[in-house]
Amino acid sequence: MHELAIIGVPIDLGAGRRGVDMGPSAMRYTGLHARLEALGCHVRDLGNLPAPMVETSAPPPPGAKLRYLEPIAALCAALANAVAGCVEQGQIPIVLGGDHSLSIGSVSGSARNRTLGLIWIDAHADFNTAETTPSGNIHGMSVAALTGRGHPLLTGLAGRTPAVRPEHVALVGVRDLDHLEREALRGSGIHVFTMHEVDRRGMAAVIDEASQIVARGTDGFHLSFDLDVLDPREAPGVGTPVSGGISRREAHLAMEILAQSGGMRSLDLVEVNPILDERNATAELAVELVLSALGKRIL
């Protein structure tokens, strides 16, 4: 039986569009707690971390390359501590977002005092830094920070730098890269499975290989799932939709394979934007994927 801890992180400072701060509420609204218990899990919902708001944060200067750096870094530090505390108690932390900048905290906390792999399922690589970003939005910098690239306020939250070694990272479903980000990725040592790979080889083969990569020399892996990896027809409620994404069944298959691997140590689901959603469909799909990642099967 899994021991689970749910942590909500209602932040949208790292994104370019408002609304993902309501993602944790939208996912809880689907009956997440009860549905996890129905799987046989023991669940503690720790509520939401206090998160800074645009309305109460000093606006970044025009052209800022690290927008809202200080409040995002402070929130990620608090989240890292919360996640690390859950891990110490033998729980699997499930973090509900919120924009993808929060993963700097969730992954760093899970990586404390152990070697962690990272599976990052996302339409974007999130490998920008202040030197490469076209927007200054920190949700596009999370993988870079976790692998030791970027501002010191973001790179050292695991108690070491990097939080995750590049060779222990697998990106899956990538299809939208900035030019300088693409160049940085090529020499990074990170394993990137683009949508071309998913289309050509199939999701099962890609996830099988990704799970093997993140298991080599590690104590398990963190799974970070950005709902924009799905095709917008499947998940309309995301802030940065990119056409040509994976299907609902491909997403479930990925989760089912990762559940069978037995290596998942922590999980976050991010970028659910109820403002842009249709009848909470994206939040509902996110929760269905959580259940698959924790072992729910068709038969």
Protein backbone atom coordinates (compact mmCIF):
# COMPACT_ATOMS: atom_id res chain seq x y z
CA MET A 1 0.00 0.00 0.00
CA HIS A 2 1.37 3.41 -0.97
CA GLU A 3 1.73 6.11 1.67
CA LEU A 4 0.95 9.37 -0.14
CA ALA A 5 1.16 13.05 0.75
CA ILE A 6 -0.61 15.65 -1.40
CA ILE A 7 0.83 19.17 -1.54
CA GLY A 8 -0.81 21.97 -3.51
CA VAL A 9 1.31 24.78 -4.93
CA PRO A 10 -0.95 27.53 -6.31
CA ILE A 11 1.65 29.59 -8.13
CA ASP A 12 1.54 31.25 -11.54
CA LEU A 13 4.45 33.72 -11.21
CA GLY A 14 6.67 31.51 -13.36
CA ALA A 15 4.31 31.47 -16.32
CA GLY A 16 3.34 33.97 -18.97
CA ARG A 17 -0.43 33.51 -18.54
CA ARG A 18 -2.51 33.69 -15.39
CA GLY A 19 -4.70 30.90 -14.07
CA VAL A 20 -2.56 27.87 -13.24
CA ASP A 21 -2.61 28.91 -9.59
CA MET A 22 -6.12 27.42 -9.53
CA GLY A 23 -4.87 24.05 -10.76
CA PRO A 24 -4.58 22.41 -7.32
CA SER A 25 -8.20 23.24 -6.51
CA ALA A 26 -9.38 21.96 -9.90
CA MET A 27 -7.62 18.63 -9.39
CA ARG A 28 -8.88 18.22 -5.84
CA TYR A 29 -12.40 19.00 -7.06
CA THR A 30 -12.39 15.77 -9.09
CA GLY A 31 -12.28 13.72 -5.87
CA LEU A 32 -8.56 13.03 -5.95
CA HIS A 33 -8.26 12.08 -2.26
CA ALA A 34 -11.12 9.57 -2.30
CA ARG A 35 -10.04 8.08 -5.61
CA LEU A 36 -6.52 7.50 -4.31
CA GLU A 37 -7.90 5.83 -1.19
CA ALA A 38 -10.07 3.61 -3.40
CA LEU A 39 -6.82 2.30 -4.91
CA GLY A 40 -5.80 1.15 -1.44
CA CYS A 41 -3.46 4.08 -0.75
CA HIS A 42 -3.15 5.85 2.59
CA VAL A 43 -3.45 9.56 1.82
CA ARG A 44 -2.62 12.74 3.74
CA ASP A 45 -3.54 16.04 2.10
CA LEU A 46 -1.22 18.69 3.51
CA GLY A 47 -3.15 21.52 1.86
CA ASN A 48 -1.55 24.30 -0.16
CA LEU A 49 1.75 25.98 0.48
CA PRO A 50 1.34 29.74 0.88
CA ALA A 51 2.20 31.07 -2.55
CA PRO A 52 3.02 34.61 -3.65
CA MET A 53 0.59 36.33 -6.00
CA VAL A 54 1.17 38.71 -8.86
CA GLU A 55 -1.04 41.25 -7.07
CA THR A 56 1.20 41.27 -3.98
CA SER A 57 4.60 40.89 -5.66
CA ALA A 58 6.75 43.68 -7.00
CA PRO A 59 6.43 43.72 -10.80
CA PRO A 60 9.57 42.69 -12.67
CA PRO A 61 11.28 45.42 -14.66
CA PRO A 62 10.68 45.46 -18.42
CA GLY A 63 12.83 42.90 -20.17
CA ALA A 64 13.69 41.04 -16.95
CA LYS A 65 15.45 37.76 -17.66
CA LEU A 66 14.42 36.13 -14.36
CA ARG A 67 10.89 37.35 -13.69
CA TYR A 68 9.82 37.10 -10.04
CA LEU A 69 13.06 35.32 -9.13
CA GLU A 70 13.01 36.00 -5.38
CA PRO A 71 9.42 34.95 -4.59
CA ILE A 72 9.68 31.87 -6.83
CA ALA A 73 12.98 30.85 -5.22
CA ALA A 74 11.52 31.29 -1.73
CA LEU A 75 8.48 29.17 -2.60
CA CYS A 76 10.64 26.46 -4.17
CA ALA A 77 12.82 26.36 -1.05
CA ALA A 78 9.73 25.90 1.13
CA LEU A 79 8.41 23.21 -1.20
CA ALA A 80 11.76 21.40 -1.20
CA ASN A 81 11.65 21.28 2.59
CA ALA A 82 8.05 20.01 2.58
CA VAL A 83 8.79 17.29 0.02
CA ALA A 84 11.96 16.22 1.83
CA GLY A 85 9.95 15.91 5.03
CA CYS A 86 7.42 13.65 3.33
CA VAL A 87 10.19 11.46 1.94
CA GLU A 88 11.74 11.12 5.39
CA GLN A 89 8.37 9.80 6.63
CA GLY A 90 8.26 7.18 3.91
CA GLN A 91 5.61 8.94 1.82
CA ILE A 92 5.40 9.51 -1.92
CA PRO A 93 4.81 13.25 -2.38
CA ILE A 94 2.22 14.21 -5.00
CA VAL A 95 2.59 17.90 -5.84
CA LEU A 96 -0.24 19.69 -7.61
CA GLY A 97 0.54 22.81 -9.63
CA GLY A 98 0.74 25.53 -10.42
CA ASP A 99 3.30 26.40 -13.07
CA HIS A 100 6.35 24.29 -13.84
CA SER A 101 8.77 26.49 -11.90
CA LEU A 102 7.57 24.64 -8.78
CA SER A 103 9.40 21.50 -9.93
CA ILE A 104 12.67 23.15 -8.99
CA GLY A 105 11.43 22.72 -5.43
CA SER A 106 9.65 19.37 -5.70
CA VAL A 107 12.54 17.60 -7.43
CA SER A 108 15.19 19.20 -5.21
CA GLY A 109 13.36 18.11 -2.07
CA SER A 110 12.94 14.57 -3.33
CA ALA A 111 16.63 14.43 -4.31
CA ARG A 112 17.98 15.33 -0.86
CA ASN A 113 20.24 12.67 0.60
CA ARG A 114 19.78 10.34 -2.37
CA THR A 115 20.58 10.02 -6.07
CA LEU A 116 17.42 10.68 -8.06
CA GLY A 117 16.52 10.17 -11.69
CA LEU A 118 14.07 12.49 -13.43
CA ILE A 119 11.46 11.76 -16.08
CA TRP A 120 10.13 15.04 -17.50
CA ILE A 121 7.07 14.57 -19.72
CA ASP A 122 6.44 17.90 -21.40
CA ALA A 123 6.01 19.62 -24.74
CA HIS A 124 8.90 21.87 -23.69
CA ALA A 125 12.41 21.09 -22.46
CA ASP A 126 12.42 23.89 -19.85
CA PHE A 127 16.17 24.19 -20.36
CA ASN A 128 16.52 27.94 -20.70
CA THR A 129 18.63 30.18 -18.49
CA ALA A 130 18.80 33.94 -18.11
CA GLU A 131 21.22 33.94 -21.03
CA THR A 132 18.94 32.06 -23.44
CA THR A 133 15.36 32.81 -22.40
CA PRO A 134 13.21 34.83 -24.82
CA SER A 135 10.57 35.50 -22.14
CA GLY A 136 12.19 35.58 -18.71
CA ASN A 137 9.57 33.11 -17.43
CA ILE A 138 11.15 30.77 -14.90
CA HIS A 139 8.81 27.87 -15.69
CA GLY A 140 10.94 27.49 -18.83
CA MET A 141 14.14 27.08 -16.79
CA SER A 142 13.36 24.25 -14.37
CA VAL A 143 15.36 21.42 -15.96
CA ALA A 144 18.32 23.74 -16.44
CA ALA A 145 18.25 24.73 -12.76
CA LEU A 146 17.87 21.16 -11.55
CA THR A 147 20.89 20.07 -13.58
CA GLY A 148 23.03 22.93 -12.27
CA ARG A 149 22.55 25.70 -14.82
CA GLY A 150 21.17 29.05 -13.77
CA HIS A 151 20.85 31.36 -10.80
CA PRO A 152 22.26 30.10 -7.47
CA LEU A 153 18.91 30.73 -5.75
CA LEU A 154 17.45 28.00 -7.97
CA THR A 155 20.27 25.48 -8.39
CA GLY A 156 21.22 24.53 -4.82
CA LEU A 157 17.92 23.60 -3.15
CA ALA A 158 18.79 19.90 -2.86
CA GLY A 159 21.75 20.72 -0.63
CA ARG A 160 24.09 20.14 -3.55
CA THR A 161 24.48 21.23 -7.17
CA PRO A 162 23.21 19.75 -9.36
CA ALA A 163 20.11 18.27 -7.74
CA VAL A 164 19.95 15.72 -10.58
CA ARG A 165 22.79 14.69 -12.84
CA PRO A 166 22.08 15.30 -16.56
CA GLU A 167 22.71 11.67 -17.48
CA HIS A 168 19.90 10.69 -15.08
CA VAL A 169 17.33 12.87 -16.87
CA ALA A 170 14.96 11.81 -19.66
CA LEU A 171 12.69 14.31 -21.42
CA VAL A 172 9.69 12.80 -23.21
CA GLY A 173 7.28 14.38 -25.69
CA VAL A 174 9.32 17.50 -26.45
CA ARG A 175 8.17 19.39 -29.54
CA ASP A 176 8.67 23.13 -28.89
CA LEU A 177 12.23 24.38 -28.31
CA ASP A 178 13.75 27.85 -28.39
CA HIS A 179 16.80 28.22 -30.65
CA LEU A 180 19.47 28.75 -27.98
CA GLU A 181 17.79 26.18 -25.74
CA ARG A 182 18.14 23.60 -28.52
CA GLU A 183 21.86 24.30 -28.80
CA ALA A 184 22.34 23.98 -25.03
CA LEU A 185 20.48 20.68 -24.91
CA ARG A 186 22.68 19.10 -27.56
CA GLY A 187 25.72 19.28 -25.33
CA SER A 188 24.02 18.70 -22.00
CA GLY A 189 24.11 14.92 -21.60
CA ILE A 190 20.33 14.88 -21.08
CA HIS A 191 18.38 12.20 -22.95
CA VAL A 192 15.69 13.84 -25.11
CA PHE A 193 12.85 11.84 -26.67
CA THR A 194 11.06 14.25 -28.98
CA MET A 195 7.63 13.70 -30.48
CA HIS A 196 9.46 12.41 -33.54
CA GLU A 197 10.80 9.58 -31.38
CA VAL A 198 7.37 8.91 -29.87
CA ASP A 199 5.75 8.83 -33.31
CA ARG A 200 8.45 6.67 -34.89
CA ARG A 201 9.08 4.17 -32.10
CA GLY A 202 5.85 4.27 -30.10
CA MET A 203 5.26 5.42 -26.53
CA ALA A 204 5.91 2.00 -24.99
CA ALA A 205 9.43 1.74 -26.42
CA VAL A 206 10.26 5.34 -25.50
CA ILE A 207 9.05 5.05 -21.91
CA ASP A 208 10.73 1.68 -21.46
CA GLU A 209 14.06 3.22 -22.47
CA ALA A 210 13.48 6.38 -20.43
CA SER A 211 12.69 4.34 -17.32
CA GLN A 212 15.90 2.35 -17.78
CA ILE A 213 17.94 5.56 -18.15
CA VAL A 214 16.63 7.15 -14.95
CA ALA A 215 17.09 3.90 -12.99
CA ARG A 216 20.82 3.46 -13.74
CA GLY A 217 22.80 4.32 -10.65
CA THR A 218 19.88 6.03 -8.89
CA ASP A 219 17.57 5.38 -5.96
CA GLY A 220 14.47 5.81 -8.12
CA PHE A 221 12.99 8.69 -10.07
CA HIS A 222 10.79 11.74 -9.83
CA LEU A 223 8.07 12.03 -12.46
CA SER A 224 7.16 15.54 -13.58
CA PHE A 225 4.15 15.67 -15.88
CA ASP A 226 3.17 18.88 -17.69
CA LEU A 227 -0.34 18.61 -19.10
CA ASP A 228 0.70 20.54 -22.21
CA VAL A 229 2.47 17.40 -23.45
CA LEU A 230 -1.00 16.21 -24.46
CA ASP A 231 -2.56 17.38 -27.66
CA PRO A 232 -4.71 20.48 -26.96
CA ARG A 233 -7.77 18.57 -28.15
CA GLU A 234 -7.24 16.22 -25.19
CA ALA A 235 -6.14 18.82 -22.64
CA PRO A 236 -7.47 22.30 -23.52
CA GLY A 237 -6.84 23.80 -20.08
CA VAL A 238 -3.13 24.56 -20.29
CA GLY A 239 -1.32 27.88 -20.57
CA THR A 240 1.14 27.01 -23.35
CA PRO A 241 -0.64 24.59 -25.72
CA VAL A 242 1.33 23.13 -28.62
CA SER A 243 -0.43 21.17 -31.35
CA GLY A 244 0.68 17.66 -32.25
CA GLY A 245 0.90 16.24 -28.74
CA ILE A 246 0.40 12.80 -27.30
CA SER A 247 -3.01 11.20 -26.92
CA ARG A 248 -4.88 10.33 -23.74
CA ARG A 249 -4.11 6.65 -24.23
CA GLU A 250 -0.41 7.28 -24.86
CA ALA A 251 -0.29 9.26 -21.60
CA HIS A 252 -2.01 6.47 -19.69
CA LEU A 253 0.28 3.88 -21.23
CA ALA A 254 3.32 5.88 -20.10
CA MET A 255 1.95 6.10 -16.56
CA GLU A 256 1.09 2.40 -16.47
CA ILE A 257 4.58 1.39 -17.59
CA LEU A 258 6.19 3.68 -15.03
CA ALA A 259 3.93 2.28 -12.30
CA GLN A 260 5.01 -1.24 -13.22
CA SER A 261 8.68 -0.20 -13.00
CA GLY A 262 8.26 0.38 -9.26
CA GLY A 263 10.79 3.21 -9.31
CA MET A 264 8.67 6.33 -8.82
CA ARG A 265 9.57 8.16 -5.61
CA SER A 266 7.70 11.44 -6.13
CA LEU A 267 5.38 13.07 -8.64
CA ASP A 268 4.19 16.47 -9.74
CA LEU A 269 1.47 17.51 -12.16
CA VAL A 270 1.64 21.05 -13.45
CA GLU A 271 0.20 23.72 -15.75
CA VAL A 272 -3.50 22.87 -15.35
CA ASN A 273 -5.28 26.16 -16.12
CA PRO A 274 -8.99 26.03 -15.23
CA ILE A 275 -9.61 29.43 -16.84
CA LEU A 276 -8.83 27.93 -20.23
CA ASP A 277 -10.37 24.51 -19.55
CA GLU A 278 -13.65 22.97 -20.68
CA ARG A 279 -15.76 21.56 -17.80
CA ASN A 280 -12.63 20.75 -15.80
CA ALA A 281 -11.63 18.14 -18.40
CA THR A 282 -7.90 18.76 -18.10
CA ALA A 283 -7.91 18.50 -14.31
CA GLU A 284 -9.94 15.30 -14.56
CA LEU A 285 -7.44 13.85 -17.03
CA ALA A 286 -4.54 14.87 -14.75
CA VAL A 287 -6.09 12.95 -11.86
CA GLU A 288 -6.75 9.92 -14.04
CA LEU A 289 -3.06 9.93 -14.92
CA VAL A 290 -2.09 10.11 -11.25
CA LEU A 291 -4.16 7.00 -10.62
CA SER A 292 -2.47 5.18 -13.51
CA ALA A 293 0.96 6.20 -12.20
CA LEU A 294 0.06 4.66 -8.84
CA GLY A 295 -1.03 1.34 -10.27
CA LYS A 296 -4.62 1.62 -11.46
CA ARG A 297 -5.16 -0.81 -14.33
CA ILE A 298 -7.96 -1.64 -16.72
CA LEU A 299 -8.08 -5.26 -15.56
